[in-house]
Amino acid sequence: GGPARVVARVLSQFTRFLTGIEIHPGA
């Protein structure tokens, strides 16, 4: 929770850029 969620979203979006697969960190 909290500010950590921003880090999680950035990490997931970077992975989307690398793989073409988008998985929201909340899933």
PDB file of all heavy atoms in Angstrom:
ATOM      1  N   GLY A   1       0.805  -1.212   0.000  1.00  0.00           N
ATOM      2  CA  GLY A   1       0.000   0.000   0.000  1.00  0.00           C
ATOM      3  C   GLY A   1       0.841   1.266   0.000  1.00  0.00           C
ATOM      4  O   GLY A   1       2.069   1.233  -0.032  1.00  0.00           O
ATOM      5  N   GLY A   2       0.155   2.411   0.038  1.00  0.00           N
ATOM      6  CA  GLY A   2       0.832   3.697   0.106  1.00  0.00           C
ATOM      7  C   GLY A   2       1.738   3.966  -1.091  1.00  0.00           C
ATOM      8  O   GLY A   2       1.473   3.536  -2.212  1.00  0.00           O
ATOM      9  N   PRO A   3       2.839   4.674  -0.847  1.00  0.00           N
ATOM     10  CA  PRO A   3       3.759   5.037  -1.934  1.00  0.00           C
ATOM     11  C   PRO A   3       4.352   3.826  -2.662  1.00  0.00           C
ATOM     12  O   PRO A   3       4.787   3.942  -3.811  1.00  0.00           O
ATOM     13  CB  PRO A   3       4.863   5.825  -1.209  1.00  0.00           C
ATOM     14  CG  PRO A   3       4.231   6.311   0.053  1.00  0.00           C
ATOM     15  CD  PRO A   3       3.234   5.253   0.440  1.00  0.00           C
ATOM     16  N   ALA A   4       4.358   2.672  -1.996  1.00  0.00           N
ATOM     17  CA  ALA A   4       4.908   1.472  -2.640  1.00  0.00           C
ATOM     18  C   ALA A   4       4.139   1.118  -3.910  1.00  0.00           C
ATOM     19  O   ALA A   4       4.689   0.516  -4.841  1.00  0.00           O
ATOM     20  CB  ALA A   4       4.875   0.295  -1.664  1.00  0.00           C
ATOM     21  N   ARG A   5       2.872   1.507  -3.960  1.00  0.00           N
ATOM     22  CA  ARG A   5       2.062   1.183  -5.132  1.00  0.00           C
ATOM     23  C   ARG A   5       2.552   1.911  -6.383  1.00  0.00           C
ATOM     24  O   ARG A   5       2.404   1.406  -7.489  1.00  0.00           O
ATOM     25  CB  ARG A   5       0.592   1.489  -4.868  1.00  0.00           C
ATOM     26  CG  ARG A   5       0.003   0.562  -3.824  1.00  0.00           C
ATOM     27  CD  ARG A   5      -1.504   0.584  -3.795  1.00  0.00           C
ATOM     28  NE  ARG A   5      -2.006  -0.544  -3.019  1.00  0.00           N
ATOM     29  CZ  ARG A   5      -3.284  -0.857  -2.886  1.00  0.00           C
ATOM     30  NH1 ARG A   5      -4.208  -0.113  -3.490  1.00  0.00           N
ATOM     31  NH2 ARG A   5      -3.657  -1.916  -2.182  1.00  0.00           N
ATOM     32  N   VAL A   6       3.126   3.088  -6.201  1.00  0.00           N
ATOM     33  CA  VAL A   6       3.702   3.797  -7.347  1.00  0.00           C
ATOM     34  C   VAL A   6       4.870   2.997  -7.906  1.00  0.00           C
ATOM     35  O   VAL A   6       5.016   2.846  -9.123  1.00  0.00           O
ATOM     36  CB  VAL A   6       4.145   5.215  -6.938  1.00  0.00           C
ATOM     37  CG1 VAL A   6       4.822   5.920  -8.115  1.00  0.00           C
ATOM     38  CG2 VAL A   6       2.960   6.030  -6.436  1.00  0.00           C
ATOM     39  N   VAL A   7       5.695   2.481  -7.017  1.00  0.00           N
ATOM     40  CA  VAL A   7       6.827   1.660  -7.447  1.00  0.00           C
ATOM     41  C   VAL A   7       6.333   0.425  -8.196  1.00  0.00           C
ATOM     42  O   VAL A   7       6.866   0.056  -9.252  1.00  0.00           O
ATOM     43  CB  VAL A   7       7.685   1.243  -6.233  1.00  0.00           C
ATOM     44  CG1 VAL A   7       8.816   0.302  -6.663  1.00  0.00           C
ATOM     45  CG2 VAL A   7       8.250   2.467  -5.533  1.00  0.00           C
ATOM     46  N   ALA A   8       5.287  -0.205  -7.665  1.00  0.00           N
ATOM     47  CA  ALA A   8       4.732  -1.400  -8.308  1.00  0.00           C
ATOM     48  C   ALA A   8       4.212  -1.088  -9.703  1.00  0.00           C
ATOM     49  O   ALA A   8       4.411  -1.854 -10.650  1.00  0.00           O
ATOM     50  CB  ALA A   8       3.623  -1.993  -7.436  1.00  0.00           C
ATOM     51  N   ARG A   9       3.520   0.047  -9.865  1.00  0.00           N
ATOM     52  CA  ARG A   9       2.991   0.427 -11.170  1.00  0.00           C
ATOM     53  C   ARG A   9       4.113   0.721 -12.168  1.00  0.00           C
ATOM     54  O   ARG A   9       4.032   0.339 -13.337  1.00  0.00           O
ATOM     55  CB  ARG A   9       2.076   1.654 -11.055  1.00  0.00           C
ATOM     56  CG  ARG A   9       0.708   1.390 -10.443  1.00  0.00           C
ATOM     57  CD  ARG A   9      -0.094   0.333 -11.187  1.00  0.00           C
ATOM     58  NE  ARG A   9      -0.258   0.578 -12.617  1.00  0.00           N
ATOM     59  CZ  ARG A   9      -1.228   1.295 -13.166  1.00  0.00           C
ATOM     60  NH1 ARG A   9      -2.136   1.876 -12.403  1.00  0.00           N
ATOM     61  NH2 ARG A   9      -1.304   1.427 -14.476  1.00  0.00           N
ATOM     62  N   VAL A  10       5.129   1.408 -11.718  1.00  0.00           N
ATOM     63  CA  VAL A  10       6.265   1.704 -12.605  1.00  0.00           C
ATOM     64  C   VAL A  10       6.935   0.406 -13.053  1.00  0.00           C
ATOM     65  O   VAL A  10       7.263   0.236 -14.234  1.00  0.00           O
ATOM     66  CB  VAL A  10       7.280   2.624 -11.889  1.00  0.00           C
ATOM     67  CG1 VAL A  10       8.569   2.737 -12.704  1.00  0.00           C
ATOM     68  CG2 VAL A  10       6.673   4.003 -11.655  1.00  0.00           C
ATOM     69  N   LEU A  11       7.095  -0.521 -12.131  1.00  0.00           N
ATOM     70  CA  LEU A  11       7.705  -1.804 -12.464  1.00  0.00           C
ATOM     71  C   LEU A  11       6.857  -2.570 -13.471  1.00  0.00           C
ATOM     72  O   LEU A  11       7.373  -3.138 -14.440  1.00  0.00           O
ATOM     73  CB  LEU A  11       7.893  -2.621 -11.189  1.00  0.00           C
ATOM     74  CG  LEU A  11       8.618  -3.960 -11.312  1.00  0.00           C
ATOM     75  CD1 LEU A  11      10.007  -3.771 -11.904  1.00  0.00           C
ATOM     76  CD2 LEU A  11       8.714  -4.634  -9.932  1.00  0.00           C
ATOM     77  N   SER A  12       5.540  -2.570 -13.277  1.00  0.00           N
ATOM     78  CA  SER A  12       4.667  -3.295 -14.196  1.00  0.00           C
ATOM     79  C   SER A  12       4.664  -2.649 -15.577  1.00  0.00           C
ATOM     80  O   SER A  12       4.622  -3.339 -16.602  1.00  0.00           O
ATOM     81  CB  SER A  12       3.241  -3.377 -13.641  1.00  0.00           C
ATOM     82  OG  SER A  12       2.613  -2.113 -13.626  1.00  0.00           O
ATOM     83  N   GLN A  13       4.720  -1.323 -15.639  1.00  0.00           N
ATOM     84  CA  GLN A  13       4.737  -0.649 -16.930  1.00  0.00           C
ATOM     85  C   GLN A  13       6.062  -0.869 -17.657  1.00  0.00           C
ATOM     86  O   GLN A  13       6.098  -0.998 -18.887  1.00  0.00           O
ATOM     87  CB  GLN A  13       4.489   0.853 -16.747  1.00  0.00           C
ATOM     88  CG  GLN A  13       3.058   1.189 -16.385  1.00  0.00           C
ATOM     89  CD  GLN A  13       2.070   0.707 -17.447  1.00  0.00           C
ATOM     90  OE1 GLN A  13       1.347  -0.268 -17.235  1.00  0.00           O
ATOM     91  NE2 GLN A  13       2.037   1.380 -18.582  1.00  0.00           N
ATOM     92  N   PHE A  14       7.151  -0.927 -16.924  1.00  0.00           N
ATOM     93  CA  PHE A  14       8.445  -1.227 -17.538  1.00  0.00           C
ATOM     94  C   PHE A  14       8.432  -2.639 -18.125  1.00  0.00           C
ATOM     95  O   PHE A  14       8.944  -2.880 -19.226  1.00  0.00           O
ATOM     96  CB  PHE A  14       9.568  -1.083 -16.509  1.00  0.00           C
ATOM     97  CG  PHE A  14      10.934  -1.331 -17.073  1.00  0.00           C
ATOM     98  CD1 PHE A  14      11.472  -0.485 -18.028  1.00  0.00           C
ATOM     99  CD2 PHE A  14      11.686  -2.421 -16.649  1.00  0.00           C
ATOM    100  CE1 PHE A  14      12.740  -0.714 -18.561  1.00  0.00           C
ATOM    101  CE2 PHE A  14      12.948  -2.660 -17.167  1.00  0.00           C
ATOM    102  CZ  PHE A  14      13.479  -1.805 -18.123  1.00  0.00           C
ATOM    103  N   THR A  15       7.805  -3.565 -17.407  1.00  0.00           N
ATOM    104  CA  THR A  15       7.687  -4.934 -17.907  1.00  0.00           C
ATOM    105  C   THR A  15       6.815  -4.980 -19.154  1.00  0.00           C
ATOM    106  O   THR A  15       7.104  -5.735 -20.097  1.00  0.00           O
ATOM    107  CB  THR A  15       7.097  -5.846 -16.816  1.00  0.00           C
ATOM    108  OG1 THR A  15       7.878  -5.715 -15.630  1.00  0.00           O
ATOM    109  CG2 THR A  15       7.076  -7.296 -17.257  1.00  0.00           C
ATOM    110  N   ARG A  16       5.767  -4.176 -19.177  1.00  0.00           N
ATOM    111  CA  ARG A  16       4.936  -4.081 -20.382  1.00  0.00           C
ATOM    112  C   ARG A  16       5.772  -3.624 -21.569  1.00  0.00           C
ATOM    113  O   ARG A  16       5.637  -4.142 -22.681  1.00  0.00           O
ATOM    114  CB  ARG A  16       3.791  -3.115 -20.124  1.00  0.00           C
ATOM    115  CG  ARG A  16       2.929  -2.844 -21.349  1.00  0.00           C
ATOM    116  CD  ARG A  16       1.992  -1.686 -21.113  1.00  0.00           C
ATOM    117  NE  ARG A  16       1.198  -1.416 -22.295  1.00  0.00           N
ATOM    118  CZ  ARG A  16       0.411  -0.370 -22.429  1.00  0.00           C
ATOM    119  NH1 ARG A  16       0.309   0.511 -21.454  1.00  0.00           N
ATOM    120  NH2 ARG A  16      -0.271  -0.173 -23.530  1.00  0.00           N
ATOM    121  N   PHE A  17       6.627  -2.626 -21.358  1.00  0.00           N
ATOM    122  CA  PHE A  17       7.494  -2.126 -22.422  1.00  0.00           C
ATOM    123  C   PHE A  17       8.413  -3.226 -22.945  1.00  0.00           C
ATOM    124  O   PHE A  17       8.636  -3.357 -24.155  1.00  0.00           O
ATOM    125  CB  PHE A  17       8.322  -0.949 -21.889  1.00  0.00           C
ATOM    126  CG  PHE A  17       9.397  -0.483 -22.815  1.00  0.00           C
ATOM    127  CD1 PHE A  17       9.095   0.278 -23.935  1.00  0.00           C
ATOM    128  CD2 PHE A  17      10.729  -0.809 -22.570  1.00  0.00           C
ATOM    129  CE1 PHE A  17      10.099   0.718 -24.792  1.00  0.00           C
ATOM    130  CE2 PHE A  17      11.726  -0.384 -23.423  1.00  0.00           C
ATOM    131  CZ  PHE A  17      11.417   0.385 -24.542  1.00  0.00           C
ATOM    132  N   LEU A  18       8.932  -4.054 -22.050  1.00  0.00           N
ATOM    133  CA  LEU A  18       9.887  -5.097 -22.445  1.00  0.00           C
ATOM    134  C   LEU A  18       9.223  -6.319 -23.064  1.00  0.00           C
ATOM    135  O   LEU A  18       9.808  -6.952 -23.953  1.00  0.00           O
ATOM    136  CB  LEU A  18      10.699  -5.536 -21.219  1.00  0.00           C
ATOM    137  CG  LEU A  18      11.661  -4.507 -20.629  1.00  0.00           C
ATOM    138  CD1 LEU A  18      12.321  -5.076 -19.383  1.00  0.00           C
ATOM    139  CD2 LEU A  18      12.711  -4.086 -21.649  1.00  0.00           C
ATOM    140  N   THR A  19       8.020  -6.680 -22.601  1.00  0.00           N
ATOM    141  CA  THR A  19       7.421  -7.957 -22.993  1.00  0.00           C
ATOM    142  C   THR A  19       6.169  -7.838 -23.851  1.00  0.00           C
ATOM    143  O   THR A  19       5.762  -8.824 -24.475  1.00  0.00           O
ATOM    144  CB  THR A  19       7.051  -8.789 -21.747  1.00  0.00           C
ATOM    145  OG1 THR A  19       6.000  -8.111 -21.031  1.00  0.00           O
ATOM    146  CG2 THR A  19       8.257  -8.985 -20.825  1.00  0.00           C
ATOM    147  N   GLY A  20       5.514  -6.673 -23.859  1.00  0.00           N
ATOM    148  CA  GLY A  20       4.235  -6.552 -24.549  1.00  0.00           C
ATOM    149  C   GLY A  20       3.083  -7.138 -23.762  1.00  0.00           C
ATOM    150  O   GLY A  20       1.975  -7.294 -24.276  1.00  0.00           O
ATOM    151  N   ILE A  21       3.325  -7.478 -22.499  1.00  0.00           N
ATOM    152  CA  ILE A  21       2.309  -8.070 -21.621  1.00  0.00           C
ATOM    153  C   ILE A  21       2.056  -7.116 -20.467  1.00  0.00           C
ATOM    154  O   ILE A  21       2.982  -6.699 -19.776  1.00  0.00           O
ATOM    155  CB  ILE A  21       2.794  -9.431 -21.072  1.00  0.00           C
ATOM    156  CG1 ILE A  21       3.035 -10.415 -22.206  1.00  0.00           C
ATOM    157  CG2 ILE A  21       1.807  -9.996 -20.051  1.00  0.00           C
ATOM    158  CD1 ILE A  21       3.791 -11.658 -21.797  1.00  0.00           C
ATOM    159  N   GLU A  22       0.785  -6.755 -20.269  1.00  0.00           N
ATOM    160  CA  GLU A  22       0.434  -5.814 -19.203  1.00  0.00           C
ATOM    161  C   GLU A  22      -0.369  -6.525 -18.125  1.00  0.00           C
ATOM    162  O   GLU A  22      -1.501  -6.948 -18.366  1.00  0.00           O
ATOM    163  CB  GLU A  22      -0.376  -4.644 -19.768  1.00  0.00           C
ATOM    164  CG  GLU A  22      -0.761  -3.629 -18.702  1.00  0.00           C
ATOM    165  CD  GLU A  22      -1.482  -2.423 -19.268  1.00  0.00           C
ATOM    166  OE1 GLU A  22      -1.472  -2.235 -20.500  1.00  0.00           O
ATOM    167  OE2 GLU A  22      -2.075  -1.663 -18.462  1.00  0.00           O
ATOM    168  N   ILE A  23       0.227  -6.649 -16.953  1.00  0.00           N
ATOM    169  CA  ILE A  23      -0.464  -7.232 -15.800  1.00  0.00           C
ATOM    170  C   ILE A  23      -0.448  -6.187 -14.690  1.00  0.00           C
ATOM    171  O   ILE A  23       0.624  -5.800 -14.202  1.00  0.00           O
ATOM    172  CB  ILE A  23       0.207  -8.526 -15.303  1.00  0.00           C
ATOM    173  CG1 ILE A  23       0.415  -9.523 -16.446  1.00  0.00           C
ATOM    174  CG2 ILE A  23      -0.621  -9.156 -14.185  1.00  0.00           C
ATOM    175  CD1 ILE A  23       1.172 -10.781 -16.030  1.00  0.00           C
ATOM    176  N   HIS A  24      -1.620  -5.721 -14.305  1.00  0.00           N
ATOM    177  CA  HIS A  24      -1.687  -4.738 -13.225  1.00  0.00           C
ATOM    178  C   HIS A  24      -1.172  -5.390 -11.946  1.00  0.00           C
ATOM    179  O   HIS A  24      -1.499  -6.552 -11.650  1.00  0.00           O
ATOM    180  CB  HIS A  24      -3.129  -4.267 -13.031  1.00  0.00           C
ATOM    181  CG  HIS A  24      -3.243  -3.071 -12.143  1.00  0.00           C
ATOM    182  ND1 HIS A  24      -3.092  -3.147 -10.772  1.00  0.00           N
ATOM    183  CD2 HIS A  24      -3.495  -1.762 -12.428  1.00  0.00           C
ATOM    184  CE1 HIS A  24      -3.251  -1.946 -10.243  1.00  0.00           C
ATOM    185  NE2 HIS A  24      -3.494  -1.087 -11.228  1.00  0.00           N
ATOM    186  N   PRO A  25      -0.363  -4.670 -11.166  1.00  0.00           N
ATOM    187  CA  PRO A  25       0.195  -5.289  -9.950  1.00  0.00           C
ATOM    188  C   PRO A  25      -0.851  -5.675  -8.917  1.00  0.00           C
ATOM    189  O   PRO A  25      -0.579  -6.483  -8.027  1.00  0.00           O
ATOM    190  CB  PRO A  25       1.140  -4.205  -9.401  1.00  0.00           C
ATOM    191  CG  PRO A  25       0.709  -2.938 -10.045  1.00  0.00           C
ATOM    192  CD  PRO A  25       0.153  -3.323 -11.380  1.00  0.00           C
ATOM    193  N   GLY A  26      -2.066  -5.136  -9.041  1.00  0.00           N
ATOM    194  CA  GLY A  26      -3.123  -5.525  -8.110  1.00  0.00           C
ATOM    195  C   GLY A  26      -3.764  -6.856  -8.435  1.00  0.00           C
ATOM    196  O   GLY A  26      -4.450  -7.440  -7.590  1.00  0.00           O
ATOM    197  N   ALA A  27      -3.574  -7.356  -9.653  1.00  0.00           N
ATOM    198  CA  ALA A  27      -4.184  -8.631 -10.047  1.00  0.00           C
ATOM    199  C   ALA A  27      -3.631  -9.774  -9.202  1.00  0.00           C
ATOM    200  O   ALA A  27      -2.443  -9.787  -8.848  1.00  0.00           O
ATOM    201  CB  ALA A  27      -3.926  -8.899 -11.525  1.00  0.00           C
TER     202      ALA A  27
END
